[in-house]
Amino acid sequence: MAKAIQEYSLPELMTRIEEIFNANPDPIKGFEAIVQYDIHGEAEGTYQHYFHDGALTIKEGVDATPNVSMALTYDNFKKFLLGKQSGTMALLTGKVKAKGDISTGMKIESILRKYKIKEPL
């Protein structure tokens, strides 16, 4: 049964994101990147999202050098996921700090819009 985003632990949410993306891989076909999220706040962890061959694999920790890494609170991560927070505005207002290829980070926002992730997940 689907749950509200607030009910997910950070590891559960990462697993759910992987399931959603791989159930409908069309929006990520041709996107090849490693995106790292450094999450802090009410939940903390570092996760790398590997986009390769039209699939997403999410791993906890740092296994490879990412194309872009983004540091943000868990609350802002959830807002970003649901399309309630603009990546551009988050960068401009300091709600997210990005290192590396910013255009790769911005591509994630356009990919998320294609998934139209809504609650419950």
PDB file of N, CA and C in Angstrom:
ATOM      1  N   MET A   1       0.839  -1.179   0.000  1.00  0.00           N
ATOM      2  CA  MET A   1       0.000   0.000   0.000  1.00  0.00           C
ATOM      3  C   MET A   1       0.886   1.246   0.000  1.00  0.00           C
ATOM      4  N   ALA A   2       0.509   2.225  -0.780  1.00  0.00           N
ATOM      5  CA  ALA A   2       1.284   3.453  -0.889  1.00  0.00           C
ATOM      6  C   ALA A   2       1.215   4.238   0.422  1.00  0.00           C
ATOM      7  N   LYS A   3       2.317   4.959   0.705  1.00  0.00           N
ATOM      8  CA  LYS A   3       2.406   5.745   1.924  1.00  0.00           C
ATOM      9  C   LYS A   3       2.654   7.203   1.571  1.00  0.00           C
ATOM     10  N   ALA A   4       2.339   8.081   2.521  1.00  0.00           N
ATOM     11  CA  ALA A   4       2.697   9.490   2.376  1.00  0.00           C
ATOM     12  C   ALA A   4       4.216   9.604   2.504  1.00  0.00           C
ATOM     13  N   ILE A   5       4.780  10.582   1.842  1.00  0.00           N
ATOM     14  CA  ILE A   5       6.238  10.732   1.829  1.00  0.00           C
ATOM     15  C   ILE A   5       6.792  10.899   3.245  1.00  0.00           C
ATOM     16  N   GLN A   6       6.034  11.517   4.143  1.00  0.00           N
ATOM     17  CA  GLN A   6       6.488  11.722   5.519  1.00  0.00           C
ATOM     18  C   GLN A   6       6.653  10.407   6.282  1.00  0.00           C
ATOM     19  N   GLU A   7       6.000   9.355   5.821  1.00  0.00           N
ATOM     20  CA  GLU A   7       6.058   8.060   6.502  1.00  0.00           C
ATOM     21  C   GLU A   7       7.299   7.247   6.136  1.00  0.00           C
ATOM     22  N   TYR A   8       8.029   7.658   5.120  1.00  0.00           N
ATOM     23  CA  TYR A   8       9.212   6.914   4.675  1.00  0.00           C
ATOM     24  C   TYR A   8      10.450   7.335   5.444  1.00  0.00           C
ATOM     25  N   SER A   9      11.256   6.365   5.826  1.00  0.00           N
ATOM     26  CA  SER A   9      12.602   6.683   6.305  1.00  0.00           C
ATOM     27  C   SER A   9      13.410   7.049   5.058  1.00  0.00           C
ATOM     28  N   LEU A  10      14.560   7.649   5.244  1.00  0.00           N
ATOM     29  CA  LEU A  10      15.399   8.015   4.102  1.00  0.00           C
ATOM     30  C   LEU A  10      15.778   6.787   3.266  1.00  0.00           C
ATOM     31  N   PRO A  11      16.245   5.672   3.867  1.00  0.00           N
ATOM     32  CA  PRO A  11      16.562   4.494   3.044  1.00  0.00           C
ATOM     33  C   PRO A  11      15.334   3.950   2.299  1.00  0.00           C
ATOM     34  N   GLU A  12      14.164   3.959   2.941  1.00  0.00           N
ATOM     35  CA  GLU A  12      12.942   3.484   2.286  1.00  0.00           C
ATOM     36  C   GLU A  12      12.581   4.374   1.103  1.00  0.00           C
ATOM     37  N   LEU A  13      12.757   5.683   1.279  1.00  0.00           N
ATOM     38  CA  LEU A  13      12.430   6.616   0.199  1.00  0.00           C
ATOM     39  C   LEU A  13      13.362   6.400  -0.991  1.00  0.00           C
ATOM     40  N   MET A  14      14.638   6.158  -0.733  1.00  0.00           N
ATOM     41  CA  MET A  14      15.579   5.902  -1.830  1.00  0.00           C
ATOM     42  C   MET A  14      15.195   4.631  -2.584  1.00  0.00           C
ATOM     43  N   THR A  15      14.785   3.597  -1.857  1.00  0.00           N
ATOM     44  CA  THR A  15      14.337   2.359  -2.493  1.00  0.00           C
ATOM     45  C   THR A  15      13.105   2.625  -3.346  1.00  0.00           C
ATOM     46  N   ARG A  16      12.181   3.423  -2.835  1.00  0.00           N
ATOM     47  CA  ARG A  16      10.942   3.724  -3.569  1.00  0.00           C
ATOM     48  C   ARG A  16      11.240   4.532  -4.837  1.00  0.00           C
ATOM     49  N   ILE A  17      12.166   5.475  -4.764  1.00  0.00           N
ATOM     50  CA  ILE A  17      12.563   6.259  -5.941  1.00  0.00           C
ATOM     51  C   ILE A  17      13.115   5.323  -7.011  1.00  0.00           C
ATOM     52  N   GLU A  18      13.977   4.412  -6.609  1.00  0.00           N
ATOM     53  CA  GLU A  18      14.563   3.450  -7.552  1.00  0.00           C
ATOM     54  C   GLU A  18      13.457   2.629  -8.218  1.00  0.00           C
ATOM     55  N   GLU A  19      12.472   2.184  -7.446  1.00  0.00           N
ATOM     56  CA  GLU A  19      11.351   1.402  -7.997  1.00  0.00           C
ATOM     57  C   GLU A  19      10.545   2.216  -9.003  1.00  0.00           C
ATOM     58  N   ILE A  20      10.231   3.460  -8.657  1.00  0.00           N
ATOM     59  CA  ILE A  20       9.430   4.326  -9.533  1.00  0.00           C
ATOM     60  C   ILE A  20      10.148   4.567 -10.858  1.00  0.00           C
ATOM     61  N   PHE A  21      11.427   4.912 -10.794  1.00  0.00           N
ATOM     62  CA  PHE A  21      12.185   5.199 -12.010  1.00  0.00           C
ATOM     63  C   PHE A  21      12.335   3.965 -12.886  1.00  0.00           C
ATOM     64  N   ASN A  22      12.624   2.819 -12.289  1.00  0.00           N
ATOM     65  CA  ASN A  22      12.857   1.610 -13.083  1.00  0.00           C
ATOM     66  C   ASN A  22      11.566   0.984 -13.605  1.00  0.00           C
ATOM     67  N   ALA A  23      10.426   1.315 -12.994  1.00  0.00           N
ATOM     68  CA  ALA A  23       9.138   0.834 -13.500  1.00  0.00           C
ATOM     69  C   ALA A  23       8.760   1.554 -14.794  1.00  0.00           C
ATOM     70  N   ASN A  24       9.283   2.751 -14.999  1.00  0.00           N
ATOM     71  CA  ASN A  24       9.027   3.537 -16.204  1.00  0.00           C
ATOM     72  C   ASN A  24      10.340   4.213 -16.608  1.00  0.00           C
ATOM     73  N   PRO A  25      11.234   3.494 -17.294  1.00  0.00           N
ATOM     74  CA  PRO A  25      12.560   4.022 -17.574  1.00  0.00           C
ATOM     75  C   PRO A  25      12.650   5.029 -18.731  1.00  0.00           C
ATOM     76  N   ASP A  26      11.567   5.259 -19.462  1.00  0.00           N
ATOM     77  CA  ASP A  26      11.644   6.155 -20.623  1.00  0.00           C
ATOM     78  C   ASP A  26      12.267   7.525 -20.322  1.00  0.00           C
ATOM     79  N   PRO A  27      11.876   8.225 -19.242  1.00  0.00           N
ATOM     80  CA  PRO A  27      12.463   9.549 -18.999  1.00  0.00           C
ATOM     81  C   PRO A  27      13.963   9.547 -18.716  1.00  0.00           C
ATOM     82  N   ILE A  28      14.529   8.402 -18.332  1.00  0.00           N
ATOM     83  CA  ILE A  28      15.971   8.383 -18.036  1.00  0.00           C
ATOM     84  C   ILE A  28      16.801   7.711 -19.122  1.00  0.00           C
ATOM     85  N   LYS A  29      16.160   7.259 -20.192  1.00  0.00           N
ATOM     86  CA  LYS A  29      16.918   6.664 -21.296  1.00  0.00           C
ATOM     87  C   LYS A  29      17.855   7.713 -21.885  1.00  0.00           C
ATOM     88  N   GLY A  30      19.105   7.334 -22.048  1.00  0.00           N
ATOM     89  CA  GLY A  30      20.104   8.238 -22.613  1.00  0.00           C
ATOM     90  C   GLY A  30      20.764   9.145 -21.587  1.00  0.00           C
ATOM     91  N   PHE A  31      20.273   9.170 -20.369  1.00  0.00           N
ATOM     92  CA  PHE A  31      20.874   9.984 -19.312  1.00  0.00           C
ATOM     93  C   PHE A  31      21.904   9.134 -18.587  1.00  0.00           C
ATOM     94  N   GLU A  32      23.151   9.538 -18.671  1.00  0.00           N
ATOM     95  CA  GLU A  32      24.250   8.800 -18.059  1.00  0.00           C
ATOM     96  C   GLU A  32      24.938   9.726 -17.066  1.00  0.00           C
ATOM     97  N   ALA A  33      24.787   9.437 -15.783  1.00  0.00           N
ATOM     98  CA  ALA A  33      25.392  10.305 -14.769  1.00  0.00           C
ATOM     99  C   ALA A  33      25.376   9.623 -13.408  1.00  0.00           C
ATOM    100  N   ILE A  34      26.225  10.151 -12.547  1.00  0.00           N
ATOM    101  CA  ILE A  34      26.194   9.785 -11.130  1.00  0.00           C
ATOM    102  C   ILE A  34      25.865  11.066 -10.385  1.00  0.00           C
ATOM    103  N   VAL A  35      24.739  11.043  -9.673  1.00  0.00           N
ATOM    104  CA  VAL A  35      24.284  12.202  -8.916  1.00  0.00           C
ATOM    105  C   VAL A  35      24.335  11.832  -7.438  1.00  0.00           C
ATOM    106  N   GLN A  36      25.018  12.656  -6.673  1.00  0.00           N
ATOM    107  CA  GLN A  36      25.159  12.380  -5.243  1.00  0.00           C
ATOM    108  C   GLN A  36      24.314  13.356  -4.442  1.00  0.00           C
ATOM    109  N   TYR A  37      23.583  12.816  -3.468  1.00  0.00           N
ATOM    110  CA  TYR A  37      22.793  13.632  -2.549  1.00  0.00           C
ATOM    111  C   TYR A  37      23.378  13.476  -1.153  1.00  0.00           C
ATOM    112  N   ASP A  38      23.778  14.600  -0.567  1.00  0.00           N
ATOM    113  CA  ASP A  38      24.233  14.628   0.813  1.00  0.00           C
ATOM    114  C   ASP A  38      23.083  15.226   1.621  1.00  0.00           C
ATOM    115  N   ILE A  39      22.346  14.355   2.287  1.00  0.00           N
ATOM    116  CA  ILE A  39      21.121  14.744   2.978  1.00  0.00           C
ATOM    117  C   ILE A  39      21.422  14.968   4.456  1.00  0.00           C
ATOM    118  N   HIS A  40      20.877  16.047   4.996  1.00  0.00           N
ATOM    119  CA  HIS A  40      21.033  16.329   6.427  1.00  0.00           C
ATOM    120  C   HIS A  40      19.710  16.848   6.983  1.00  0.00           C
ATOM    121  N   GLY A  41      19.667  17.012   8.287  1.00  0.00           N
ATOM    122  CA  GLY A  41      18.437  17.484   8.932  1.00  0.00           C
ATOM    123  C   GLY A  41      17.784  16.362   9.699  1.00  0.00           C
ATOM    124  N   GLU A  42      16.456  16.208   9.529  1.00  0.00           N
ATOM    125  CA  GLU A  42      15.725  15.187  10.291  1.00  0.00           C
ATOM    126  C   GLU A  42      16.164  13.768   9.958  1.00  0.00           C
ATOM    127  N   ALA A  43      16.743  13.578   8.796  1.00  0.00           N
ATOM    128  CA  ALA A  43      17.348  12.298   8.394  1.00  0.00           C
ATOM    129  C   ALA A  43      18.653  12.655   7.689  1.00  0.00           C
ATOM    130  N   GLU A  44      19.647  11.782   7.824  1.00  0.00           N
ATOM    131  CA  GLU A  44      20.953  12.076   7.239  1.00  0.00           C
ATOM    132  C   GLU A  44      21.502  10.872   6.500  1.00  0.00           C
ATOM    133  N   GLY A  45      22.226  11.146   5.433  1.00  0.00           N
ATOM    134  CA  GLY A  45      22.868  10.090   4.676  1.00  0.00           C
ATOM    135  C   GLY A  45      23.387  10.621   3.353  1.00  0.00           C
ATOM    136  N   THR A  46      24.286   9.879   2.769  1.00  0.00           N
ATOM    137  CA  THR A  46      24.807  10.201   1.444  1.00  0.00           C
ATOM    138  C   THR A  46      24.415   9.060   0.522  1.00  0.00           C
ATOM    139  N   TYR A  47      23.800   9.418  -0.598  1.00  0.00           N
ATOM    140  CA  TYR A  47      23.341   8.433  -1.576  1.00  0.00           C
ATOM    141  C   TYR A  47      23.801   8.849  -2.957  1.00  0.00           C
ATOM    142  N   GLN A  48      24.258   7.861  -3.713  1.00  0.00           N
ATOM    143  CA  GLN A  48      24.622   8.102  -5.105  1.00  0.00           C
ATOM    144  C   GLN A  48      23.596   7.421  -6.005  1.00  0.00           C
ATOM    145  N   HIS A  49      23.098   8.200  -6.965  1.00  0.00           N
ATOM    146  CA  HIS A  49      22.140   7.710  -7.952  1.00  0.00           C
ATOM    147  C   HIS A  49      22.903   7.492  -9.254  1.00  0.00           C
ATOM    148  N   TYR A  50      22.958   6.238  -9.673  1.00  0.00           N
ATOM    149  CA  TYR A  50      23.669   5.859 -10.901  1.00  0.00           C
ATOM    150  C   TYR A  50      22.656   5.701 -12.023  1.00  0.00           C
ATOM    151  N   PHE A  51      22.708   6.606 -12.983  1.00  0.00           N
ATOM    152  CA  PHE A  51      21.854   6.518 -14.167  1.00  0.00           C
ATOM    153  C   PHE A  51      22.700   5.927 -15.281  1.00  0.00           C
ATOM    154  N   HIS A  52      22.320   4.720 -15.734  1.00  0.00           N
ATOM    155  CA  HIS A  52      23.122   4.040 -16.752  1.00  0.00           C
ATOM    156  C   HIS A  52      22.230   3.081 -17.538  1.00  0.00           C
ATOM    157  N   ASP A  53      22.321   3.159 -18.851  1.00  0.00           N
ATOM    158  CA  ASP A  53      21.568   2.267 -19.745  1.00  0.00           C
ATOM    159  C   ASP A  53      20.069   2.248 -19.446  1.00  0.00           C
ATOM    160  N   GLY A  54      19.501   3.407 -19.180  1.00  0.00           N
ATOM    161  CA  GLY A  54      18.058   3.498 -18.961  1.00  0.00           C
ATOM    162  C   GLY A  54      17.595   2.897 -17.653  1.00  0.00           C
ATOM    163  N   ALA A  55      18.479   2.825 -16.673  1.00  0.00           N
ATOM    164  CA  ALA A  55      18.111   2.282 -15.363  1.00  0.00           C
ATOM    165  C   ALA A  55      18.720   3.159 -14.273  1.00  0.00           C
ATOM    166  N   LEU A  56      18.124   3.093 -13.103  1.00  0.00           N
ATOM    167  CA  LEU A  56      18.631   3.807 -11.942  1.00  0.00           C
ATOM    168  C   LEU A  56      18.993   2.806 -10.855  1.00  0.00           C
ATOM    169  N   THR A  57      20.211   2.931 -10.349  1.00  0.00           N
ATOM    170  CA  THR A  57      20.660   2.156  -9.200  1.00  0.00           C
ATOM    171  C   THR A  57      21.068   3.159  -8.134  1.00  0.00           C
ATOM    172  N   ILE A  58      20.553   2.985  -6.927  1.00  0.00           N
ATOM    173  CA  ILE A  58      20.880   3.892  -5.826  1.00  0.00           C
ATOM    174  C   ILE A  58      21.696   3.133  -4.788  1.00  0.00           C
ATOM    175  N   LYS A  59      22.817   3.731  -4.402  1.00  0.00           N
ATOM    176  CA  LYS A  59      23.692   3.128  -3.398  1.00  0.00           C
ATOM    177  C   LYS A  59      23.945   4.131  -2.284  1.00  0.00           C
ATOM    178  N   GLU A  60      23.945   3.625  -1.051  1.00  0.00           N
ATOM    179  CA  GLU A  60      24.281   4.477   0.082  1.00  0.00           C
ATOM    180  C   GLU A  60      25.793   4.605   0.156  1.00  0.00           C
ATOM    181  N   GLY A  61      26.261   5.810   0.488  1.00  0.00           N
ATOM    182  CA  GLY A  61      27.689   6.054   0.603  1.00  0.00           C
ATOM    183  C   GLY A  61      28.273   6.568  -0.696  1.00  0.00           C
ATOM    184  N   VAL A  62      29.590   6.633  -0.735  1.00  0.00           N
ATOM    185  CA  VAL A  62      30.307   7.161  -1.896  1.00  0.00           C
ATOM    186  C   VAL A  62      31.163   6.055  -2.478  1.00  0.00           C
ATOM    187  N   ASP A  63      30.801   5.606  -3.676  1.00  0.00           N
ATOM    188  CA  ASP A  63      31.562   4.567  -4.370  1.00  0.00           C
ATOM    189  C   ASP A  63      32.338   5.109  -5.563  1.00  0.00           C
ATOM    190  N   ALA A  64      31.883   6.247  -6.098  1.00  0.00           N
ATOM    191  CA  ALA A  64      32.489   6.784  -7.314  1.00  0.00           C
ATOM    192  C   ALA A  64      32.434   8.308  -7.263  1.00  0.00           C
ATOM    193  N   THR A  65      33.201   8.942  -8.131  1.00  0.00           N
ATOM    194  CA  THR A  65      33.173  10.394  -8.226  1.00  0.00           C
ATOM    195  C   THR A  65      31.908  10.808  -8.969  1.00  0.00           C
ATOM    196  N   PRO A  66      31.046  11.610  -8.333  1.00  0.00           N
ATOM    197  CA  PRO A  66      29.801  11.996  -8.984  1.00  0.00           C
ATOM    198  C   PRO A  66      30.000  13.099 -10.022  1.00  0.00           C
ATOM    199  N   ASN A  67      29.069  13.178 -10.968  1.00  0.00           N
ATOM    200  CA  ASN A  67      29.071  14.296 -11.912  1.00  0.00           C
ATOM    201  C   ASN A  67      28.679  15.578 -11.181  1.00  0.00           C
ATOM    202  N   VAL A  68      27.734  15.419 -10.253  1.00  0.00           N
ATOM    203  CA  VAL A  68      27.288  16.550  -9.439  1.00  0.00           C
ATOM    204  C   VAL A  68      26.916  16.020  -8.059  1.00  0.00           C
ATOM    205  N   SER A  69      27.197  16.792  -7.039  1.00  0.00           N
ATOM    206  CA  SER A  69      26.747  16.438  -5.693  1.00  0.00           C
ATOM    207  C   SER A  69      25.937  17.613  -5.155  1.00  0.00           C
ATOM    208  N   MET A  70      24.871  17.262  -4.455  1.00  0.00           N
ATOM    209  CA  MET A  70      23.982  18.284  -3.912  1.00  0.00           C
ATOM    210  C   MET A  70      23.771  18.036  -2.431  1.00  0.00           C
ATOM    211  N   ALA A  71      23.969  19.072  -1.633  1.00  0.00           N
ATOM    212  CA  ALA A  71      23.744  18.993  -0.189  1.00  0.00           C
ATOM    213  C   ALA A  71      22.453  19.751   0.122  1.00  0.00           C
ATOM    214  N   LEU A  72      21.526  19.069   0.793  1.00  0.00           N
ATOM    215  CA  LEU A  72      20.241  19.682   1.139  1.00  0.00           C
ATOM    216  C   LEU A  72      19.601  18.941   2.297  1.00  0.00           C
ATOM    217  N   THR A  73      18.613  19.586   2.919  1.00  0.00           N
ATOM    218  CA  THR A  73      17.920  18.935   4.027  1.00  0.00           C
ATOM    219  C   THR A  73      16.993  17.858   3.478  1.00  0.00           C
ATOM    220  N   TYR A  74      16.648  16.926   4.352  1.00  0.00           N
ATOM    221  CA  TYR A  74      15.711  15.864   3.967  1.00  0.00           C
ATOM    222  C   TYR A  74      14.369  16.469   3.567  1.00  0.00           C
ATOM    223  N   ASP A  75      13.928  17.497   4.288  1.00  0.00           N
ATOM    224  CA  ASP A  75      12.659  18.156   3.962  1.00  0.00           C
ATOM    225  C   ASP A  75      12.712  18.758   2.558  1.00  0.00           C
ATOM    226  N   ASN A  76      13.791  19.447   2.220  1.00  0.00           N
ATOM    227  CA  ASN A  76      13.917  20.029   0.881  1.00  0.00           C
ATOM    228  C   ASN A  76      14.046  18.957  -0.191  1.00  0.00           C
ATOM    229  N   PHE A  77      14.711  17.845   0.130  1.00  0.00           N
ATOM    230  CA  PHE A  77      14.802  16.733  -0.820  1.00  0.00           C
ATOM    231  C   PHE A  77      13.404  16.217  -1.160  1.00  0.00           C
ATOM    232  N   LYS A  78      12.559  16.048  -0.145  1.00  0.00           N
ATOM    233  CA  LYS A  78      11.193  15.560  -0.380  1.00  0.00           C
ATOM    234  C   LYS A  78      10.394  16.564  -1.202  1.00  0.00           C
ATOM    235  N   LYS A  79      10.547  17.858  -0.927  1.00  0.00           N
ATOM    236  CA  LYS A  79       9.847  18.895  -1.709  1.00  0.00           C
ATOM    237  C   LYS A  79      10.305  18.861  -3.164  1.00  0.00           C
ATOM    238  N   PHE A  80      11.598  18.712  -3.372  1.00  0.00           N
ATOM    239  CA  PHE A  80      12.165  18.646  -4.719  1.00  0.00           C
ATOM    240  C   PHE A  80      11.606  17.436  -5.467  1.00  0.00           C
ATOM    241  N   LEU A  81      11.558  16.303  -4.792  1.00  0.00           N
ATOM    242  CA  LEU A  81      11.048  15.066  -5.376  1.00  0.00           C
ATOM    243  C   LEU A  81       9.597  15.217  -5.833  1.00  0.00           C
ATOM    244  N   LEU A  82       8.785  15.885  -5.029  1.00  0.00           N
ATOM    245  CA  LEU A  82       7.365  16.055  -5.334  1.00  0.00           C
ATOM    246  C   LEU A  82       7.086  17.245  -6.256  1.00  0.00           C
ATOM    247  N   GLY A  83       8.137  17.961  -6.675  1.00  0.00           N
ATOM    248  CA  GLY A  83       7.946  19.106  -7.556  1.00  0.00           C
ATOM    249  C   GLY A  83       7.451  20.346  -6.835  1.00  0.00           C
ATOM    250  N   LYS A  84       7.587  20.375  -5.522  1.00  0.00           N
ATOM    251  CA  LYS A  84       7.131  21.517  -4.729  1.00  0.00           C
ATOM    252  C   LYS A  84       8.248  22.523  -4.490  1.00  0.00           C
ATOM    253  N   GLN A  85       9.435  22.223  -4.989  1.00  0.00           N
ATOM    254  CA  GLN A  85      10.585  23.108  -4.824  1.00  0.00           C
ATOM    255  C   GLN A  85      11.350  23.140  -6.135  1.00  0.00           C
ATOM    256  N   SER A  86      11.588  24.321  -6.641  1.00  0.00           N
ATOM    257  CA  SER A  86      12.372  24.505  -7.858  1.00  0.00           C
ATOM    258  C   SER A  86      13.853  24.355  -7.536  1.00  0.00           C
ATOM    259  N   GLY A  87      14.548  23.564  -8.335  1.00  0.00           N
ATOM    260  CA  GLY A  87      15.984  23.401  -8.149  1.00  0.00           C
ATOM    261  C   GLY A  87      16.732  24.710  -8.326  1.00  0.00           C
ATOM    262  N   THR A  88      16.321  25.514  -9.292  1.00  0.00           N
ATOM    263  CA  THR A  88      16.960  26.804  -9.538  1.00  0.00           C
ATOM    264  C   THR A  88      16.792  27.718  -8.337  1.00  0.00           C
ATOM    265  N   MET A  89      15.563  27.813  -7.831  1.00  0.00           N
ATOM    266  CA  MET A  89      15.317  28.669  -6.673  1.00  0.00           C
ATOM    267  C   MET A  89      16.050  28.143  -5.437  1.00  0.00           C
ATOM    268  N   ALA A  90      16.103  26.832  -5.293  1.00  0.00           N
ATOM    269  CA  ALA A  90      16.808  26.246  -4.151  1.00  0.00           C
ATOM    270  C   ALA A  90      18.295  26.608  -4.198  1.00  0.00           C
ATOM    271  N   LEU A  91      18.888  26.589  -5.388  1.00  0.00           N
ATOM    272  CA  LEU A  91      20.289  26.989  -5.536  1.00  0.00           C
ATOM    273  C   LEU A  91      20.474  28.466  -5.213  1.00  0.00           C
ATOM    274  N   LEU A  92      19.599  29.288  -5.768  1.00  0.00           N
ATOM    275  CA  LEU A  92      19.719  30.739  -5.588  1.00  0.00           C
ATOM    276  C   LEU A  92      19.503  31.171  -4.149  1.00  0.00           C
ATOM    277  N   THR A  93      18.665  30.443  -3.417  1.00  0.00           N
ATOM    278  CA  THR A  93      18.360  30.817  -2.034  1.00  0.00           C
ATOM    279  C   THR A  93      19.211  30.055  -1.020  1.00  0.00           C
ATOM    280  N   GLY A  94      20.125  29.209  -1.490  1.00  0.00           N
ATOM    281  CA  GLY A  94      21.017  28.486  -0.598  1.00  0.00           C
ATOM    282  C   GLY A  94      20.398  27.265   0.060  1.00  0.00           C
ATOM    283  N   LYS A  95      19.215  26.854  -0.381  1.00  0.00           N
ATOM    284  CA  LYS A  95      18.580  25.662   0.197  1.00  0.00           C
ATOM    285  C   LYS A  95      19.245  24.381  -0.283  1.00  0.00           C
ATOM    286  N   VAL A  96      19.964  24.488  -1.379  1.00  0.00           N
ATOM    287  CA  VAL A  96      20.777  23.371  -1.865  1.00  0.00           C
ATOM    288  C   VAL A  96      22.128  23.934  -2.279  1.00  0.00           C
ATOM    289  N   LYS A  97      23.165  23.200  -1.968  1.00  0.00           N
ATOM    290  CA  LYS A  97      24.511  23.577  -2.384  1.00  0.00           C
ATOM    291  C   LYS A  97      24.989  22.491  -3.341  1.00  0.00           C
ATOM    292  N   ALA A  98      25.389  22.900  -4.520  1.00  0.00           N
ATOM    293  CA  ALA A  98      25.789  21.939  -5.550  1.00  0.00           C
ATOM    294  C   ALA A  98      27.263  22.114  -5.893  1.00  0.00           C
ATOM    295  N   LYS A  99      27.917  20.984  -6.170  1.00  0.00           N
ATOM    296  CA  LYS A  99      29.303  20.976  -6.627  1.00  0.00           C
ATOM    297  C   LYS A  99      29.363  20.097  -7.867  1.00  0.00           C
ATOM    298  N   GLY A 100      30.141  20.538  -8.837  1.00  0.00           N
ATOM    299  CA  GLY A 100      30.290  19.739 -10.046  1.00  0.00           C
ATOM    300  C   GLY A 100      29.468  20.317 -11.183  1.00  0.00           C
ATOM    301  N   ASP A 101      28.985  19.447 -12.041  1.00  0.00           N
ATOM    302  CA  ASP A 101      28.255  19.839 -13.241  1.00  0.00           C
ATOM    303  C   ASP A 101      26.809  20.210 -12.891  1.00  0.00           C
ATOM    304  N   ILE A 102      26.572  21.505 -12.718  1.00  0.00           N
ATOM    305  CA  ILE A 102      25.245  21.993 -12.323  1.00  0.00           C
ATOM    306  C   ILE A 102      24.189  21.625 -13.369  1.00  0.00           C
ATOM    307  N   SER A 103      24.566  21.578 -14.642  1.00  0.00           N
ATOM    308  CA  SER A 103      23.587  21.240 -15.685  1.00  0.00           C
ATOM    309  C   SER A 103      23.056  19.823 -15.501  1.00  0.00           C
ATOM    310  N   THR A 104      23.881  18.922 -14.993  1.00  0.00           N
ATOM    311  CA  THR A 104      23.416  17.561 -14.703  1.00  0.00           C
ATOM    312  C   THR A 104      22.377  17.605 -13.593  1.00  0.00           C
ATOM    313  N   GLY A 105      22.629  18.406 -12.579  1.00  0.00           N
ATOM    314  CA  GLY A 105      21.657  18.575 -11.505  1.00  0.00           C
ATOM    315  C   GLY A 105      20.349  19.145 -11.996  1.00  0.00           C
ATOM    316  N   MET A 106      20.417  20.089 -12.913  1.00  0.00           N
ATOM    317  CA  MET A 106      19.194  20.689 -13.457  1.00  0.00           C
ATOM    318  C   MET A 106      18.432  19.686 -14.329  1.00  0.00           C
ATOM    319  N   LYS A 107      19.145  18.787 -14.975  1.00  0.00           N
ATOM    320  CA  LYS A 107      18.505  17.746 -15.784  1.00  0.00           C
ATOM    321  C   LYS A 107      17.635  16.846 -14.903  1.00  0.00           C
ATOM    322  N   ILE A 108      18.074  16.612 -13.663  1.00  0.00           N
ATOM    323  CA  ILE A 108      17.291  15.794 -12.732  1.00  0.00           C
ATOM    324  C   ILE A 108      15.904  16.415 -12.524  1.00  0.00           C
ATOM    325  N   GLU A 109      15.862  17.733 -12.406  1.00  0.00           N
ATOM    326  CA  GLU A 109      14.570  18.388 -12.205  1.00  0.00           C
ATOM    327  C   GLU A 109      13.632  18.148 -13.392  1.00  0.00           C
ATOM    328  N   SER A 110      14.145  18.228 -14.602  1.00  0.00           N
ATOM    329  CA  SER A 110      13.287  17.988 -15.774  1.00  0.00           C
ATOM    330  C   SER A 110      12.865  16.524 -15.847  1.00  0.00           C
ATOM    331  N   ILE A 111      13.730  15.611 -15.421  1.00  0.00           N
ATOM    332  CA  ILE A 111      13.370  14.187 -15.380  1.00  0.00           C
ATOM    333  C   ILE A 111      12.261  13.961 -14.354  1.00  0.00           C
ATOM    334  N   LEU A 112      12.410  14.550 -13.171  1.00  0.00           N
ATOM    335  CA  LEU A 112      11.390  14.385 -12.126  1.00  0.00           C
ATOM    336  C   LEU A 112      10.026  14.871 -12.591  1.00  0.00           C
ATOM    337  N   ARG A 113       9.987  15.979 -13.330  1.00  0.00           N
ATOM    338  CA  ARG A 113       8.704  16.497 -13.845  1.00  0.00           C
ATOM    339  C   ARG A 113       8.012  15.460 -14.722  1.00  0.00           C
ATOM    340  N   LYS A 114       8.785  14.687 -15.472  1.00  0.00           N
ATOM    341  CA  LYS A 114       8.203  13.663 -16.347  1.00  0.00           C
ATOM    342  C   LYS A 114       7.579  12.530 -15.547  1.00  0.00           C
ATOM    343  N   TYR A 115       8.098  12.269 -14.349  1.00  0.00           N
ATOM    344  CA  TYR A 115       7.538  11.208 -13.510  1.00  0.00           C
ATOM    345  C   TYR A 115       6.281  11.656 -12.764  1.00  0.00           C
ATOM    346  N   LYS A 116       6.141  12.950 -12.572  1.00  0.00           N
ATOM    347  CA  LYS A 116       4.953  13.500 -11.886  1.00  0.00           C
ATOM    348  C   LYS A 116       4.680  12.758 -10.576  1.00  0.00           C
ATOM    349  N   ILE A 117       5.695  12.629  -9.760  1.00  0.00           N
ATOM    350  CA  ILE A 117       5.580  11.908  -8.487  1.00  0.00           C
ATOM    351  C   ILE A 117       4.662  12.690  -7.556  1.00  0.00           C
ATOM    352  N   LYS A 118       3.666  12.013  -7.061  1.00  0.00           N
ATOM    353  CA  LYS A 118       2.691  12.606  -6.160  1.00  0.00           C
ATOM    354  C   LYS A 118       2.534  11.699  -4.940  1.00  0.00           C
ATOM    355  N   GLU A 119       1.959  12.261  -3.899  1.00  0.00           N
ATOM    356  CA  GLU A 119       1.658  11.457  -2.716  1.00  0.00           C
ATOM    357  C   GLU A 119       0.302  10.818  -2.898  1.00  0.00           C
ATOM    358  N   PRO A 120       0.059   9.669  -2.329  1.00  0.00           N
ATOM    359  CA  PRO A 120       1.049   8.801  -1.699  1.00  0.00           C
ATOM    360  C   PRO A 120       1.957   8.159  -2.740  1.00  0.00           C
ATOM    361  N   LEU A 121       3.138   7.782  -2.303  1.00  0.00           N
ATOM    362  CA  LEU A 121       4.128   7.180  -3.212  1.00  0.00           C
ATOM    363  C   LEU A 121       3.878   5.706  -3.376  1.00  0.00           C
TER     364      LEU A 121
END
